[in-house]
Amino acid sequence: MATMDSLEDLLKDEIKDIYDAEKQLTRALPKLIKAATAADLKKALANHLKETDGHIARLEQVFELMQMPVRGKKCEGMQHLIAEGSEMIRECEEDGTRDALIIAAAQKCEHYEICSYGTIRVWANLLNHTDVGSIFEDTLEEEKTADLKLTNIAESFVNEEAAEEGRGRETKRVSARPRRAAAADRKR
């Protein structure tokens, strides 16, 4: 394991980490697209998958500029975020609720990326790697835009649809209780 004795070491380590995170997302996003039911959500996720391919290409450019081998380091954070979201999505049966969950899971990943790119952009600029910092700034802005699109989709209809599904289920549960209680009373 490499030592982390300088900000330069941290920057290089984080570049490898976010590279792996982006690679993991290219495998996870198609599964989210398939699981989503809302057309706007599917489109936003598909667009972000294309952007993610571009983020990987930019990172490969950064590796070259930093004279580093193009090699990632397992991003445990992204791995766990993806696993958590995937498990919850598998357990969700209602379409609207699943779409709301997909947005939440995707936004957790976006926020991780926003944090990572924001940090490495600052470090790169502090270390006079302004060409690299500029690349990170472009990616950071795309990540923020993707997050905002997901928020807009959630707030425009997806969360309301999920809430309606939940209210419908609660109504069924409440109306089933009196029948069960009446049936139990008749047996007594």
C-alpha atoms as a PDB file:
ATOM      1  CA  MET A   1       0.000   0.000   0.000  1.00  0.00           C
ATOM      2  CA  ALA A   2       1.303   3.441  -0.928  1.00  0.00           C
ATOM      3  CA  THR A   3       1.978   5.964   1.791  1.00  0.00           C
ATOM      4  CA  MET A   4      -0.054   9.139   2.057  1.00  0.00           C
ATOM      5  CA  ASP A   5       2.607  11.630   3.103  1.00  0.00           C
ATOM      6  CA  SER A   6       1.579  14.584   0.965  1.00  0.00           C
ATOM      7  CA  LEU A   7      -1.380  16.249  -0.668  1.00  0.00           C
ATOM      8  CA  GLU A   8       0.022  15.048  -4.005  1.00  0.00           C
ATOM      9  CA  ASP A   9      -0.199  11.450  -2.715  1.00  0.00           C
ATOM     10  CA  LEU A  10      -3.784  12.035  -1.607  1.00  0.00           C
ATOM     11  CA  LEU A  11      -4.709  13.552  -4.966  1.00  0.00           C
ATOM     12  CA  LYS A  12      -3.296  10.609  -6.895  1.00  0.00           C
ATOM     13  CA  ASP A  13      -5.023   8.126  -4.601  1.00  0.00           C
ATOM     14  CA  GLU A  14      -8.367   9.888  -4.967  1.00  0.00           C
ATOM     15  CA  ILE A  15      -8.021   9.998  -8.750  1.00  0.00           C
ATOM     16  CA  LYS A  16      -7.646   6.213  -8.747  1.00  0.00           C
ATOM     17  CA  ASP A  17     -10.599   5.899  -6.360  1.00  0.00           C
ATOM     18  CA  ILE A  18     -13.013   8.016  -8.426  1.00  0.00           C
ATOM     19  CA  TYR A  19     -11.875   6.240 -11.597  1.00  0.00           C
ATOM     20  CA  ASP A  20     -13.012   2.936 -10.102  1.00  0.00           C
ATOM     21  CA  ALA A  21     -16.221   4.564  -8.833  1.00  0.00           C
ATOM     22  CA  GLU A  22     -17.071   5.742 -12.355  1.00  0.00           C
ATOM     23  CA  LYS A  23     -16.318   2.276 -13.753  1.00  0.00           C
ATOM     24  CA  GLN A  24     -18.651   0.731 -11.161  1.00  0.00           C
ATOM     25  CA  LEU A  25     -21.381   3.182 -12.177  1.00  0.00           C
ATOM     26  CA  THR A  26     -21.126   2.166 -15.826  1.00  0.00           C
ATOM     27  CA  ARG A  27     -22.096  -1.335 -14.693  1.00  0.00           C
ATOM     28  CA  ALA A  28     -24.803  -0.204 -12.240  1.00  0.00           C
ATOM     29  CA  LEU A  29     -26.632   2.423 -14.316  1.00  0.00           C
ATOM     30  CA  PRO A  30     -27.951  -0.004 -16.986  1.00  0.00           C
ATOM     31  CA  LYS A  31     -29.569  -2.017 -14.171  1.00  0.00           C
ATOM     32  CA  LEU A  32     -31.230   1.114 -12.807  1.00  0.00           C
ATOM     33  CA  ILE A  33     -32.452   2.047 -16.282  1.00  0.00           C
ATOM     34  CA  LYS A  34     -33.974  -1.412 -16.665  1.00  0.00           C
ATOM     35  CA  ALA A  35     -35.642  -1.274 -13.225  1.00  0.00           C
ATOM     36  CA  ALA A  36     -37.074   2.252 -13.694  1.00  0.00           C
ATOM     37  CA  THR A  37     -40.597   2.691 -15.049  1.00  0.00           C
ATOM     38  CA  ALA A  38     -40.899   6.478 -15.468  1.00  0.00           C
ATOM     39  CA  ALA A  39     -39.807   7.516 -18.967  1.00  0.00           C
ATOM     40  CA  ASP A  40     -38.185  10.761 -17.743  1.00  0.00           C
ATOM     41  CA  LEU A  41     -36.184   8.810 -15.169  1.00  0.00           C
ATOM     42  CA  LYS A  42     -35.044   6.230 -17.723  1.00  0.00           C
ATOM     43  CA  LYS A  43     -33.946   9.056 -20.048  1.00  0.00           C
ATOM     44  CA  ALA A  44     -32.069  10.932 -17.298  1.00  0.00           C
ATOM     45  CA  LEU A  45     -30.245   7.769 -16.231  1.00  0.00           C
ATOM     46  CA  ALA A  46     -29.382   6.877 -19.843  1.00  0.00           C
ATOM     47  CA  ASN A  47     -28.028  10.391 -20.421  1.00  0.00           C
ATOM     48  CA  HIS A  48     -25.947  10.156 -17.267  1.00  0.00           C
ATOM     49  CA  LEU A  49     -24.562   6.803 -18.372  1.00  0.00           C
ATOM     50  CA  LYS A  50     -23.241   8.537 -21.510  1.00  0.00           C
ATOM     51  CA  GLU A  51     -21.813  11.330 -19.368  1.00  0.00           C
ATOM     52  CA  THR A  52     -20.175   8.753 -17.100  1.00  0.00           C
ATOM     53  CA  ASP A  53     -18.383   7.287 -20.111  1.00  0.00           C
ATOM     54  CA  GLY A  54     -17.120  10.820 -20.756  1.00  0.00           C
ATOM     55  CA  HIS A  55     -16.004  11.152 -17.122  1.00  0.00           C
ATOM     56  CA  ILE A  56     -13.946   7.997 -17.519  1.00  0.00           C
ATOM     57  CA  ALA A  57     -12.344   9.370 -20.676  1.00  0.00           C
ATOM     58  CA  ARG A  58     -11.520  12.618 -18.845  1.00  0.00           C
ATOM     59  CA  LEU A  59     -10.003  10.684 -15.959  1.00  0.00           C
ATOM     60  CA  GLU A  60      -7.858   8.746 -18.428  1.00  0.00           C
ATOM     61  CA  GLN A  61      -6.684  12.111 -19.749  1.00  0.00           C
ATOM     62  CA  VAL A  62      -5.886  13.130 -16.149  1.00  0.00           C
ATOM     63  CA  PHE A  63      -3.828   9.965 -15.637  1.00  0.00           C
ATOM     64  CA  GLU A  64      -1.794  10.950 -18.692  1.00  0.00           C
ATOM     65  CA  LEU A  65      -1.373  14.566 -17.562  1.00  0.00           C
ATOM     66  CA  MET A  66      -0.302  13.404 -14.100  1.00  0.00           C
ATOM     67  CA  GLN A  67       2.033  10.788 -15.628  1.00  0.00           C
ATOM     68  CA  MET A  68       0.248   7.994 -13.785  1.00  0.00           C
ATOM     69  CA  PRO A  69      -0.636   4.536 -15.065  1.00  0.00           C
ATOM     70  CA  VAL A  70      -4.340   4.239 -15.899  1.00  0.00           C
ATOM     71  CA  ARG A  71      -5.353   2.090 -12.982  1.00  0.00           C
ATOM     72  CA  GLY A  72      -8.118   2.422 -10.462  1.00  0.00           C
ATOM     73  CA  LYS A  73      -8.201   1.550  -6.800  1.00  0.00           C
ATOM     74  CA  LYS A  74     -11.269  -0.277  -5.493  1.00  0.00           C
ATOM     75  CA  CYS A  75     -13.745   2.380  -4.396  1.00  0.00           C
ATOM     76  CA  GLU A  76     -15.326   0.802  -1.342  1.00  0.00           C
ATOM     77  CA  GLY A  77     -17.669   3.768  -0.836  1.00  0.00           C
ATOM     78  CA  MET A  78     -19.284   3.464  -4.266  1.00  0.00           C
ATOM     79  CA  GLN A  79     -19.375  -0.318  -4.001  1.00  0.00           C
ATOM     80  CA  HIS A  80     -21.399  -0.087  -0.795  1.00  0.00           C
ATOM     81  CA  LEU A  81     -23.716   2.639  -2.115  1.00  0.00           C
ATOM     82  CA  ILE A  82     -24.489   0.545  -5.196  1.00  0.00           C
ATOM     83  CA  ALA A  83     -24.995  -2.641  -3.159  1.00  0.00           C
ATOM     84  CA  GLU A  84     -27.335  -0.900  -0.715  1.00  0.00           C
ATOM     85  CA  GLY A  85     -29.440   0.600  -3.503  1.00  0.00           C
ATOM     86  CA  SER A  86     -29.550  -2.656  -5.462  1.00  0.00           C
ATOM     87  CA  GLU A  87     -30.747  -4.633  -2.458  1.00  0.00           C
ATOM     88  CA  MET A  88     -33.529  -2.164  -1.675  1.00  0.00           C
ATOM     89  CA  ILE A  89     -34.634  -1.993  -5.323  1.00  0.00           C
ATOM     90  CA  ARG A  90     -34.894  -5.800  -5.490  1.00  0.00           C
ATOM     91  CA  GLU A  91     -37.219  -5.745  -2.474  1.00  0.00           C
ATOM     92  CA  CYS A  92     -39.523  -3.047  -3.897  1.00  0.00           C
ATOM     93  CA  GLU A  93     -42.635  -4.221  -5.752  1.00  0.00           C
ATOM     94  CA  GLU A  94     -44.491  -0.966  -6.494  1.00  0.00           C
ATOM     95  CA  ASP A  95     -43.362   0.890  -9.649  1.00  0.00           C
ATOM     96  CA  GLY A  96     -43.660   4.440  -8.302  1.00  0.00           C
ATOM     97  CA  THR A  97     -42.000   3.545  -5.033  1.00  0.00           C
ATOM     98  CA  ARG A  98     -39.195   1.768  -6.902  1.00  0.00           C
ATOM     99  CA  ASP A  99     -38.658   4.844  -9.102  1.00  0.00           C
ATOM    100  CA  ALA A 100     -38.442   7.034  -5.972  1.00  0.00           C
ATOM    101  CA  LEU A 101     -35.934   4.599  -4.515  1.00  0.00           C
ATOM    102  CA  ILE A 102     -33.888   4.555  -7.733  1.00  0.00           C
ATOM    103  CA  ILE A 103     -33.680   8.340  -7.613  1.00  0.00           C
ATOM    104  CA  ALA A 104     -32.602   8.267  -3.960  1.00  0.00           C
ATOM    105  CA  ALA A 105     -29.963   5.599  -4.639  1.00  0.00           C
ATOM    106  CA  ALA A 106     -28.675   7.440  -7.722  1.00  0.00           C
ATOM    107  CA  GLN A 107     -28.500  10.715  -5.806  1.00  0.00           C
ATOM    108  CA  LYS A 108     -26.460   9.102  -3.031  1.00  0.00           C
ATOM    109  CA  CYS A 109     -23.960   8.119  -5.730  1.00  0.00           C
ATOM    110  CA  GLU A 110     -24.102  11.605  -7.270  1.00  0.00           C
ATOM    111  CA  HIS A 111     -23.399  13.224  -3.914  1.00  0.00           C
ATOM    112  CA  TYR A 112     -20.405  10.930  -3.411  1.00  0.00           C
ATOM    113  CA  GLU A 113     -19.087  11.972  -6.809  1.00  0.00           C
ATOM    114  CA  ILE A 114     -19.777  15.666  -6.181  1.00  0.00           C
ATOM    115  CA  CYS A 115     -17.800  15.457  -2.949  1.00  0.00           C
ATOM    116  CA  SER A 116     -14.941  13.582  -4.606  1.00  0.00           C
ATOM    117  CA  TYR A 117     -14.645  15.833  -7.641  1.00  0.00           C
ATOM    118  CA  GLY A 118     -14.966  18.975  -5.531  1.00  0.00           C
ATOM    119  CA  THR A 119     -12.159  17.815  -3.261  1.00  0.00           C
ATOM    120  CA  ILE A 120      -9.748  16.715  -5.976  1.00  0.00           C
ATOM    121  CA  ARG A 121     -10.422  19.881  -7.986  1.00  0.00           C
ATOM    122  CA  VAL A 122      -9.334  21.998  -5.002  1.00  0.00           C
ATOM    123  CA  TRP A 123      -6.299  19.828  -4.349  1.00  0.00           C
ATOM    124  CA  ALA A 124      -5.256  19.865  -8.006  1.00  0.00           C
ATOM    125  CA  ASN A 125      -5.495  23.651  -8.143  1.00  0.00           C
ATOM    126  CA  LEU A 126      -3.563  24.049  -4.867  1.00  0.00           C
ATOM    127  CA  LEU A 127      -0.817  21.832  -6.291  1.00  0.00           C
ATOM    128  CA  ASN A 128      -0.676  23.912  -9.509  1.00  0.00           C
ATOM    129  CA  HIS A 129      -2.244  21.169 -11.626  1.00  0.00           C
ATOM    130  CA  THR A 130      -4.711  23.717 -12.977  1.00  0.00           C
ATOM    131  CA  ASP A 131      -5.200  21.793 -16.228  1.00  0.00           C
ATOM    132  CA  VAL A 132      -6.362  18.812 -14.155  1.00  0.00           C
ATOM    133  CA  GLY A 133      -8.414  21.064 -11.872  1.00  0.00           C
ATOM    134  CA  SER A 134     -10.227  22.415 -14.922  1.00  0.00           C
ATOM    135  CA  ILE A 135     -11.092  18.887 -16.048  1.00  0.00           C
ATOM    136  CA  PHE A 136     -12.468  18.088 -12.594  1.00  0.00           C
ATOM    137  CA  GLU A 137     -14.501  21.322 -12.647  1.00  0.00           C
ATOM    138  CA  ASP A 138     -16.210  20.251 -15.891  1.00  0.00           C
ATOM    139  CA  THR A 139     -17.088  16.854 -14.448  1.00  0.00           C
ATOM    140  CA  LEU A 140     -18.212  18.373 -11.142  1.00  0.00           C
ATOM    141  CA  GLU A 141     -20.674  20.635 -12.982  1.00  0.00           C
ATOM    142  CA  GLU A 142     -22.096  17.661 -14.910  1.00  0.00           C
ATOM    143  CA  GLU A 143     -22.541  15.714 -11.665  1.00  0.00           C
ATOM    144  CA  LYS A 144     -24.363  18.656 -10.066  1.00  0.00           C
ATOM    145  CA  THR A 145     -26.613  18.965 -13.134  1.00  0.00           C
ATOM    146  CA  ALA A 146     -27.415  15.229 -13.049  1.00  0.00           C
ATOM    147  CA  ASP A 147     -28.306  15.507  -9.357  1.00  0.00           C
ATOM    148  CA  LEU A 148     -30.593  18.480 -10.042  1.00  0.00           C
ATOM    149  CA  LYS A 149     -32.334  16.603 -12.889  1.00  0.00           C
ATOM    150  CA  LEU A 150     -33.039  13.696 -10.541  1.00  0.00           C
ATOM    151  CA  THR A 151     -34.401  16.093  -7.917  1.00  0.00           C
ATOM    152  CA  ASN A 152     -36.682  17.713 -10.494  1.00  0.00           C
ATOM    153  CA  ILE A 153     -38.007  14.327 -11.647  1.00  0.00           C
ATOM    154  CA  ALA A 154     -38.607  13.226  -8.062  1.00  0.00           C
ATOM    155  CA  GLU A 155     -40.406  16.454  -7.164  1.00  0.00           C
ATOM    156  CA  SER A 156     -42.425  16.694 -10.383  1.00  0.00           C
ATOM    157  CA  PHE A 157     -44.256  13.375 -10.090  1.00  0.00           C
ATOM    158  CA  VAL A 158     -42.284  10.345  -8.898  1.00  0.00           C
ATOM    159  CA  ASN A 159     -42.406  11.010  -5.155  1.00  0.00           C
ATOM    160  CA  GLU A 160     -46.108  11.860  -5.330  1.00  0.00           C
ATOM    161  CA  GLU A 161     -46.820   8.621  -7.191  1.00  0.00           C
ATOM    162  CA  ALA A 162     -44.888   6.672  -4.544  1.00  0.00           C
ATOM    163  CA  ALA A 163     -46.847   8.431  -1.789  1.00  0.00           C
ATOM    164  CA  GLU A 164     -50.135   7.537  -3.506  1.00  0.00           C
ATOM    165  CA  GLU A 165     -49.098   3.889  -3.703  1.00  0.00           C
ATOM    166  CA  GLY A 166     -48.358   3.968   0.005  1.00  0.00           C
ATOM    167  CA  ARG A 167     -51.681   5.639   0.843  1.00  0.00           C
ATOM    168  CA  GLY A 168     -53.516   3.033  -1.226  1.00  0.00           C
ATOM    169  CA  ARG A 169     -51.845   0.216   0.657  1.00  0.00           C
ATOM    170  CA  GLU A 170     -52.566   1.849   4.029  1.00  0.00           C
ATOM    171  CA  THR A 171     -56.248   2.208   3.086  1.00  0.00           C
ATOM    172  CA  LYS A 172     -56.380  -1.494   2.205  1.00  0.00           C
ATOM    173  CA  ARG A 173     -54.763  -2.413   5.541  1.00  0.00           C
ATOM    174  CA  VAL A 174     -57.125  -0.221   7.553  1.00  0.00           C
ATOM    175  CA  SER A 175     -60.235  -1.497   5.771  1.00  0.00           C
ATOM    176  CA  ALA A 176     -59.101  -5.118   6.211  1.00  0.00           C
ATOM    177  CA  ARG A 177     -58.761  -4.775  10.007  1.00  0.00           C
ATOM    178  CA  PRO A 178     -62.450  -4.238  10.799  1.00  0.00           C
ATOM    179  CA  ARG A 179     -63.427  -7.260   8.682  1.00  0.00           C
ATOM    180  CA  ARG A 180     -60.924  -9.424  10.492  1.00  0.00           C
ATOM    181  CA  ALA A 181     -62.076  -8.127  13.864  1.00  0.00           C
ATOM    182  CA  ALA A 182     -65.738  -8.735  12.965  1.00  0.00           C
ATOM    183  CA  ALA A 183     -64.922 -12.251  11.783  1.00  0.00           C
ATOM    184  CA  ALA A 184     -63.065 -12.944  15.020  1.00  0.00           C
ATOM    185  CA  ASP A 185     -66.029 -11.660  17.049  1.00  0.00           C
ATOM    186  CA  ARG A 186     -68.416 -13.964  15.169  1.00  0.00           C
ATOM    187  CA  LYS A 187     -66.236 -16.965  16.007  1.00  0.00           C
ATOM    188  CA  ARG A 188     -66.358 -16.163  19.735  1.00  0.00           C
END
